[in-house]
Amino acid sequence: MNTYKIKFNANEIIVNDNSQSIFKSKHHIKKSYFRNTKNNSSEIIMIAADFLHCLEKAKNFYRSQYKKEASSIEVTLIKRATNTSMNSLNKQKLVA
């Protein structure tokens, strides 16, 4: 079991103009039509067996809480220091 940090709606894109004509060709698309927002972002810590299991749990959690799909989901593994890595770091400190 690993610990993961999950961010919901961290890179949500909002289209300023609802007109479908802006999508006809690349020449009509301007950067002013789109903007990123982090106003609806949220973050949780979750324990899961692996990355895909965590992503599935995160999707179900968001769907059950807000009754809609998340615009974006970011999953990051939280690494923990083990005793062996801490011991080697302490030995390096003693040598220096």
C-alpha atoms as a PDB file:
ATOM      1  CA  MET A   1       0.000   0.000   0.000  1.00  0.00           C
ATOM      2  CA  ASN A   2       1.334   3.400  -1.014  1.00  0.00           C
ATOM      3  CA  THR A   3       0.320   6.943  -0.131  1.00  0.00           C
ATOM      4  CA  TYR A   4      -0.708   9.279  -2.965  1.00  0.00           C
ATOM      5  CA  LYS A   5      -1.512  12.989  -3.178  1.00  0.00           C
ATOM      6  CA  ILE A   6      -4.430  13.758  -5.492  1.00  0.00           C
ATOM      7  CA  LYS A   7      -5.247  17.168  -6.991  1.00  0.00           C
ATOM      8  CA  PHE A   8      -8.663  17.710  -8.566  1.00  0.00           C
ATOM      9  CA  ASN A   9      -9.293  20.437 -11.191  1.00  0.00           C
ATOM     10  CA  ALA A  10      -5.753  21.865 -10.928  1.00  0.00           C
ATOM     11  CA  ASN A  11      -5.599  22.765 -14.645  1.00  0.00           C
ATOM     12  CA  GLU A  12      -9.186  23.515 -15.525  1.00  0.00           C
ATOM     13  CA  ILE A  13      -9.605  25.242 -18.904  1.00  0.00           C
ATOM     14  CA  ILE A  14     -12.477  27.659 -19.434  1.00  0.00           C
ATOM     15  CA  VAL A  15     -13.662  28.710 -22.903  1.00  0.00           C
ATOM     16  CA  ASN A  16     -14.624  32.387 -22.815  1.00  0.00           C
ATOM     17  CA  ASP A  17     -16.729  32.359 -26.007  1.00  0.00           C
ATOM     18  CA  ASN A  18     -19.385  29.651 -26.453  1.00  0.00           C
ATOM     19  CA  SER A  19     -19.454  30.120 -30.228  1.00  0.00           C
ATOM     20  CA  GLN A  20     -18.594  26.951 -32.151  1.00  0.00           C
ATOM     21  CA  SER A  21     -17.237  28.970 -35.080  1.00  0.00           C
ATOM     22  CA  ILE A  22     -13.898  29.511 -33.329  1.00  0.00           C
ATOM     23  CA  PHE A  23     -13.122  25.791 -33.705  1.00  0.00           C
ATOM     24  CA  LYS A  24     -13.446  25.683 -37.518  1.00  0.00           C
ATOM     25  CA  SER A  25      -9.751  26.213 -38.237  1.00  0.00           C
ATOM     26  CA  LYS A  26      -6.484  26.856 -36.416  1.00  0.00           C
ATOM     27  CA  HIS A  27      -6.389  30.447 -37.709  1.00  0.00           C
ATOM     28  CA  HIS A  28      -9.511  31.425 -35.783  1.00  0.00           C
ATOM     29  CA  ILE A  29      -8.286  30.088 -32.456  1.00  0.00           C
ATOM     30  CA  LYS A  30      -6.742  32.814 -30.333  1.00  0.00           C
ATOM     31  CA  LYS A  31      -5.317  32.485 -26.858  1.00  0.00           C
ATOM     32  CA  SER A  32      -7.881  34.984 -25.576  1.00  0.00           C
ATOM     33  CA  TYR A  33     -10.634  32.361 -26.044  1.00  0.00           C
ATOM     34  CA  PHE A  34      -9.127  30.091 -23.387  1.00  0.00           C
ATOM     35  CA  ARG A  35      -7.916  30.612 -19.837  1.00  0.00           C
ATOM     36  CA  ASN A  36      -6.721  28.324 -17.053  1.00  0.00           C
ATOM     37  CA  THR A  37      -8.140  28.554 -13.572  1.00  0.00           C
ATOM     38  CA  LYS A  38      -7.370  26.957 -10.225  1.00  0.00           C
ATOM     39  CA  ASN A  39     -10.426  28.324  -8.408  1.00  0.00           C
ATOM     40  CA  ASN A  40     -12.139  24.932  -8.168  1.00  0.00           C
ATOM     41  CA  SER A  41      -9.032  22.936  -7.245  1.00  0.00           C
ATOM     42  CA  SER A  42      -8.872  20.673  -4.205  1.00  0.00           C
ATOM     43  CA  GLU A  43      -6.337  18.258  -2.766  1.00  0.00           C
ATOM     44  CA  ILE A  44      -6.585  15.024  -0.763  1.00  0.00           C
ATOM     45  CA  ILE A  45      -4.263  12.280   0.483  1.00  0.00           C
ATOM     46  CA  MET A  46      -5.254   8.685  -0.305  1.00  0.00           C
ATOM     47  CA  ILE A  47      -3.848   5.197   0.362  1.00  0.00           C
ATOM     48  CA  ALA A  48      -4.064   2.651  -2.472  1.00  0.00           C
ATOM     49  CA  ALA A  49      -2.400  -0.508  -3.757  1.00  0.00           C
ATOM     50  CA  ASP A  50      -1.015   1.059  -6.946  1.00  0.00           C
ATOM     51  CA  PHE A  51      -1.351   4.078  -9.226  1.00  0.00           C
ATOM     52  CA  LEU A  52      -4.334   2.836 -11.264  1.00  0.00           C
ATOM     53  CA  HIS A  53      -6.198   1.732  -8.144  1.00  0.00           C
ATOM     54  CA  CYS A  54      -5.650   5.197  -6.663  1.00  0.00           C
ATOM     55  CA  LEU A  55      -6.879   6.911  -9.833  1.00  0.00           C
ATOM     56  CA  GLU A  56     -10.041   4.792  -9.850  1.00  0.00           C
ATOM     57  CA  LYS A  57     -10.685   5.525  -6.163  1.00  0.00           C
ATOM     58  CA  ALA A  58     -10.145   9.249  -6.789  1.00  0.00           C
ATOM     59  CA  LYS A  59     -12.634   9.287  -9.686  1.00  0.00           C
ATOM     60  CA  ASN A  60     -15.254   7.494  -7.583  1.00  0.00           C
ATOM     61  CA  PHE A  61     -14.624   9.792  -4.605  1.00  0.00           C
ATOM     62  CA  TYR A  62     -15.071  12.963  -6.666  1.00  0.00           C
ATOM     63  CA  ARG A  63     -18.159  11.576  -8.416  1.00  0.00           C
ATOM     64  CA  SER A  64     -19.786  10.660  -5.089  1.00  0.00           C
ATOM     65  CA  GLN A  65     -18.953  14.002  -3.443  1.00  0.00           C
ATOM     66  CA  TYR A  66     -19.846  16.455  -6.222  1.00  0.00           C
ATOM     67  CA  LYS A  67     -22.182  14.403  -8.481  1.00  0.00           C
ATOM     68  CA  LYS A  68     -20.114  15.250 -11.595  1.00  0.00           C
ATOM     69  CA  GLU A  69     -16.812  14.329 -13.239  1.00  0.00           C
ATOM     70  CA  ALA A  70     -13.570  16.145 -12.404  1.00  0.00           C
ATOM     71  CA  SER A  71     -12.005  18.282 -15.137  1.00  0.00           C
ATOM     72  CA  SER A  72      -8.529  17.009 -14.272  1.00  0.00           C
ATOM     73  CA  ILE A  73      -7.019  14.586 -11.769  1.00  0.00           C
ATOM     74  CA  GLU A  74      -3.311  14.574 -10.860  1.00  0.00           C
ATOM     75  CA  VAL A  75      -1.931  11.655  -8.844  1.00  0.00           C
ATOM     76  CA  THR A  76       1.505  11.909  -7.203  1.00  0.00           C
ATOM     77  CA  LEU A  77       3.246   9.226  -5.158  1.00  0.00           C
ATOM     78  CA  ILE A  78       4.371  10.429  -1.733  1.00  0.00           C
ATOM     79  CA  LYS A  79       7.729   8.851  -0.997  1.00  0.00           C
ATOM     80  CA  ARG A  80       8.604   7.950   2.569  1.00  0.00           C
ATOM     81  CA  ALA A  81      12.100   7.670   3.963  1.00  0.00           C
ATOM     82  CA  THR A  82      12.981   4.155   5.128  1.00  0.00           C
ATOM     83  CA  ASN A  83      15.225   3.196   8.026  1.00  0.00           C
ATOM     84  CA  THR A  84      18.046   2.079   5.721  1.00  0.00           C
ATOM     85  CA  SER A  85      18.041   5.363   3.796  1.00  0.00           C
ATOM     86  CA  MET A  86      17.973   7.341   7.059  1.00  0.00           C
ATOM     87  CA  ASN A  87      20.851   5.300   8.461  1.00  0.00           C
ATOM     88  CA  SER A  88      22.976   5.900   5.360  1.00  0.00           C
ATOM     89  CA  LEU A  89      22.244   9.635   5.539  1.00  0.00           C
ATOM     90  CA  ASN A  90      23.256   9.723   9.201  1.00  0.00           C
ATOM     91  CA  LYS A  91      26.507   7.879   8.397  1.00  0.00           C
ATOM     92  CA  GLN A  92      27.275  10.405   5.671  1.00  0.00           C
ATOM     93  CA  LYS A  93      26.694  13.253   8.143  1.00  0.00           C
ATOM     94  CA  LEU A  94      29.103  11.670  10.622  1.00  0.00           C
ATOM     95  CA  VAL A  95      31.806  11.351   7.961  1.00  0.00           C
ATOM     96  CA  ALA A  96      31.431  14.974   6.849  1.00  0.00           C
END
